[in-house]
N, C-alpha and C. Protein backbone atom coordinates (compact mmCIF):
# COMPACT_ATOMS: atom_id res chain seq x y z
N MET A 1 16.10 -10.50 -7.12
CA MET A 1 14.68 -10.76 -7.18
C MET A 1 14.46 -12.26 -7.02
N GLN A 2 13.47 -12.60 -6.23
CA GLN A 2 13.16 -14.01 -6.01
C GLN A 2 11.82 -14.34 -6.65
N THR A 3 11.60 -15.60 -6.91
CA THR A 3 10.37 -16.07 -7.52
C THR A 3 9.55 -16.85 -6.50
N VAL A 4 8.25 -16.60 -6.47
CA VAL A 4 7.34 -17.37 -5.62
C VAL A 4 6.27 -17.97 -6.52
N THR A 5 5.59 -18.98 -6.01
CA THR A 5 4.55 -19.67 -6.78
C THR A 5 3.21 -19.49 -6.10
N LEU A 6 2.20 -19.19 -6.88
CA LEU A 6 0.85 -19.06 -6.37
C LEU A 6 0.26 -20.45 -6.17
N SER A 7 -0.20 -20.75 -4.96
CA SER A 7 -0.74 -22.07 -4.66
C SER A 7 -2.15 -22.23 -5.23
N PRO A 8 -2.69 -23.45 -5.24
CA PRO A 8 -4.06 -23.65 -5.71
C PRO A 8 -5.09 -22.86 -4.89
N LYS A 9 -4.71 -22.49 -3.65
CA LYS A 9 -5.60 -21.68 -2.81
C LYS A 9 -5.29 -20.19 -2.95
N PHE A 10 -4.52 -19.83 -3.98
CA PHE A 10 -4.13 -18.45 -4.26
C PHE A 10 -3.31 -17.83 -3.14
N GLN A 11 -2.43 -18.63 -2.53
CA GLN A 11 -1.55 -18.15 -1.48
C GLN A 11 -0.12 -18.13 -2.00
N ILE A 12 0.69 -17.22 -1.41
CA ILE A 12 2.12 -17.20 -1.71
C ILE A 12 2.88 -17.23 -0.39
N VAL A 13 4.13 -17.64 -0.44
CA VAL A 13 5.00 -17.62 0.72
C VAL A 13 6.06 -16.56 0.48
N ILE A 14 6.19 -15.63 1.41
CA ILE A 14 7.22 -14.60 1.30
C ILE A 14 8.53 -15.25 1.73
N PRO A 15 9.56 -15.22 0.88
CA PRO A 15 10.83 -15.88 1.20
C PRO A 15 11.42 -15.38 2.53
N SER A 16 12.04 -16.29 3.28
CA SER A 16 12.55 -15.97 4.61
C SER A 16 13.55 -14.82 4.64
N PRO A 17 14.46 -14.66 3.66
CA PRO A 17 15.36 -13.50 3.73
C PRO A 17 14.60 -12.16 3.72
N ILE A 18 13.52 -12.10 2.97
CA ILE A 18 12.71 -10.88 2.91
C ILE A 18 11.94 -10.71 4.21
N ARG A 19 11.38 -11.80 4.75
CA ARG A 19 10.66 -11.72 6.02
C ARG A 19 11.56 -11.21 7.13
N ARG A 20 12.79 -11.75 7.18
CA ARG A 20 13.73 -11.32 8.22
C ARG A 20 14.14 -9.86 8.04
N LYS A 21 14.45 -9.49 6.81
CA LYS A 21 14.90 -8.11 6.54
C LYS A 21 13.83 -7.09 6.90
N MET A 22 12.57 -7.43 6.64
CA MET A 22 11.48 -6.50 6.90
C MET A 22 10.85 -6.67 8.28
N GLY A 23 11.29 -7.69 9.01
CA GLY A 23 10.74 -7.91 10.35
C GLY A 23 9.30 -8.36 10.35
N LEU A 24 8.92 -9.13 9.35
CA LEU A 24 7.54 -9.62 9.25
C LEU A 24 7.34 -10.81 10.19
N THR A 25 6.13 -10.91 10.73
CA THR A 25 5.80 -12.02 11.62
C THR A 25 4.56 -12.74 11.12
N ALA A 26 4.40 -13.98 11.54
CA ALA A 26 3.23 -14.77 11.14
C ALA A 26 1.97 -14.10 11.68
N GLY A 27 0.95 -14.03 10.85
CA GLY A 27 -0.32 -13.44 11.26
C GLY A 27 -0.36 -11.92 11.16
N GLN A 28 0.73 -11.30 10.70
CA GLN A 28 0.78 -9.85 10.60
C GLN A 28 -0.14 -9.39 9.47
N PRO A 29 -1.01 -8.42 9.74
CA PRO A 29 -1.88 -7.91 8.67
C PRO A 29 -1.06 -7.20 7.59
N MET A 30 -1.50 -7.38 6.35
CA MET A 30 -0.84 -6.74 5.21
C MET A 30 -1.92 -6.05 4.37
N ARG A 31 -1.57 -4.92 3.80
CA ARG A 31 -2.45 -4.26 2.84
C ARG A 31 -1.93 -4.64 1.45
N ILE A 32 -2.84 -4.78 0.50
CA ILE A 32 -2.45 -5.18 -0.84
C ILE A 32 -3.04 -4.18 -1.84
N MET A 33 -2.27 -3.88 -2.87
CA MET A 33 -2.71 -2.90 -3.86
C MET A 33 -2.22 -3.35 -5.24
N GLU A 34 -3.06 -3.18 -6.23
CA GLU A 34 -2.67 -3.43 -7.62
C GLU A 34 -2.37 -2.07 -8.23
N HIS A 35 -1.23 -1.98 -8.93
CA HIS A 35 -0.82 -0.71 -9.54
C HIS A 35 -0.09 -1.01 -10.84
N ASP A 36 -0.65 -0.58 -11.95
CA ASP A 36 -0.04 -0.76 -13.27
C ASP A 36 0.40 -2.20 -13.52
N GLY A 37 -0.45 -3.16 -13.19
CA GLY A 37 -0.15 -4.56 -13.46
C GLY A 37 0.78 -5.20 -12.45
N HIS A 38 1.07 -4.52 -11.34
CA HIS A 38 1.92 -5.06 -10.27
C HIS A 38 1.11 -5.19 -9.00
N ILE A 39 1.46 -6.17 -8.18
CA ILE A 39 0.84 -6.33 -6.88
C ILE A 39 1.84 -5.86 -5.84
N GLU A 40 1.39 -4.98 -4.94
CA GLU A 40 2.26 -4.47 -3.88
C GLU A 40 1.66 -4.82 -2.53
N LEU A 41 2.50 -5.29 -1.63
CA LEU A 41 2.09 -5.62 -0.26
C LEU A 41 2.70 -4.60 0.69
N PHE A 42 1.89 -4.13 1.63
CA PHE A 42 2.34 -3.17 2.63
C PHE A 42 2.03 -3.71 4.01
N PRO A 43 3.05 -4.02 4.80
CA PRO A 43 2.78 -4.51 6.15
C PRO A 43 2.19 -3.41 7.01
N GLU A 44 1.13 -3.75 7.76
CA GLU A 44 0.58 -2.79 8.70
C GLU A 44 1.50 -2.76 9.90
N ARG A 45 1.80 -1.57 10.35
CA ARG A 45 2.71 -1.39 11.48
C ARG A 45 1.94 -0.84 12.67
N ASP A 46 2.42 -1.14 13.86
CA ASP A 46 1.87 -0.58 15.08
C ASP A 46 2.14 0.93 15.05
N ILE A 47 1.18 1.72 15.51
CA ILE A 47 1.33 3.17 15.48
C ILE A 47 2.56 3.62 16.27
N LYS A 48 2.95 2.85 17.26
CA LYS A 48 4.13 3.20 18.06
C LYS A 48 5.41 3.16 17.23
N GLU A 49 5.44 2.32 16.21
CA GLU A 49 6.61 2.23 15.34
C GLU A 49 6.79 3.48 14.48
N LEU A 50 5.74 4.27 14.33
CA LEU A 50 5.81 5.45 13.48
C LEU A 50 6.33 6.68 14.22
N LYS A 51 6.49 6.57 15.52
CA LYS A 51 6.95 7.71 16.32
C LYS A 51 8.28 8.23 15.78
N GLY A 52 8.31 9.52 15.43
CA GLY A 52 9.53 10.15 15.00
C GLY A 52 9.88 9.98 13.53
N PHE A 53 9.03 9.34 12.73
CA PHE A 53 9.42 9.08 11.34
C PHE A 53 9.46 10.36 10.50
N LEU A 54 8.85 11.44 10.99
CA LEU A 54 8.91 12.71 10.27
C LEU A 54 9.99 13.64 10.82
N ARG A 55 10.76 13.16 11.76
CA ARG A 55 11.81 13.98 12.35
C ARG A 55 12.76 14.46 11.26
N GLY A 56 13.03 15.77 11.27
CA GLY A 56 13.95 16.33 10.29
C GLY A 56 13.30 16.80 9.01
N ILE A 57 11.98 16.64 8.89
CA ILE A 57 11.31 17.06 7.66
C ILE A 57 11.34 18.59 7.57
N ASN A 58 11.51 19.10 6.39
CA ASN A 58 11.57 20.54 6.17
C ASN A 58 10.15 21.10 6.18
N THR A 59 9.85 21.96 7.14
CA THR A 59 8.52 22.56 7.25
C THR A 59 8.52 24.03 6.84
N ASP A 60 9.62 24.50 6.27
CA ASP A 60 9.70 25.89 5.82
C ASP A 60 9.11 26.02 4.42
N PHE A 61 7.89 26.50 4.35
CA PHE A 61 7.27 26.76 3.07
C PHE A 61 6.28 27.91 3.25
N GLU A 62 5.98 28.60 2.18
CA GLU A 62 5.09 29.74 2.24
C GLU A 62 3.65 29.28 2.13
N ARG A 63 2.85 29.68 3.09
CA ARG A 63 1.44 29.30 3.09
C ARG A 63 0.62 30.31 2.28
N GLU A 64 -0.45 29.83 1.69
CA GLU A 64 -1.35 30.73 0.96
C GLU A 64 -2.10 31.60 1.97
N ASP A 65 -2.52 32.79 1.55
CA ASP A 65 -3.18 33.73 2.46
C ASP A 65 -4.45 33.18 3.08
N ASP A 66 -5.19 32.33 2.34
CA ASP A 66 -6.46 31.82 2.86
C ASP A 66 -6.27 30.57 3.73
N ARG A 67 -5.05 30.20 4.02
CA ARG A 67 -4.77 29.03 4.86
C ARG A 67 -4.18 29.48 6.17
N LEU A 68 -4.34 28.69 7.19
CA LEU A 68 -3.77 29.01 8.50
C LEU A 68 -2.28 28.79 8.52
């Protein structure tokens, strides 16, 4: 775990090892969420990057009678 400091303008810098590992780029939009006293950042990804992410998911389940 690394430590960052909140600037007087309420900005933080994401450490370079994390930026490289996650493939983050300057100007990339991020979503932010507060959850149980924690701040979570979610990088927005191009829809093309999501192609195939559900490959292999198990779709065998019993549907209710009133559902298609």
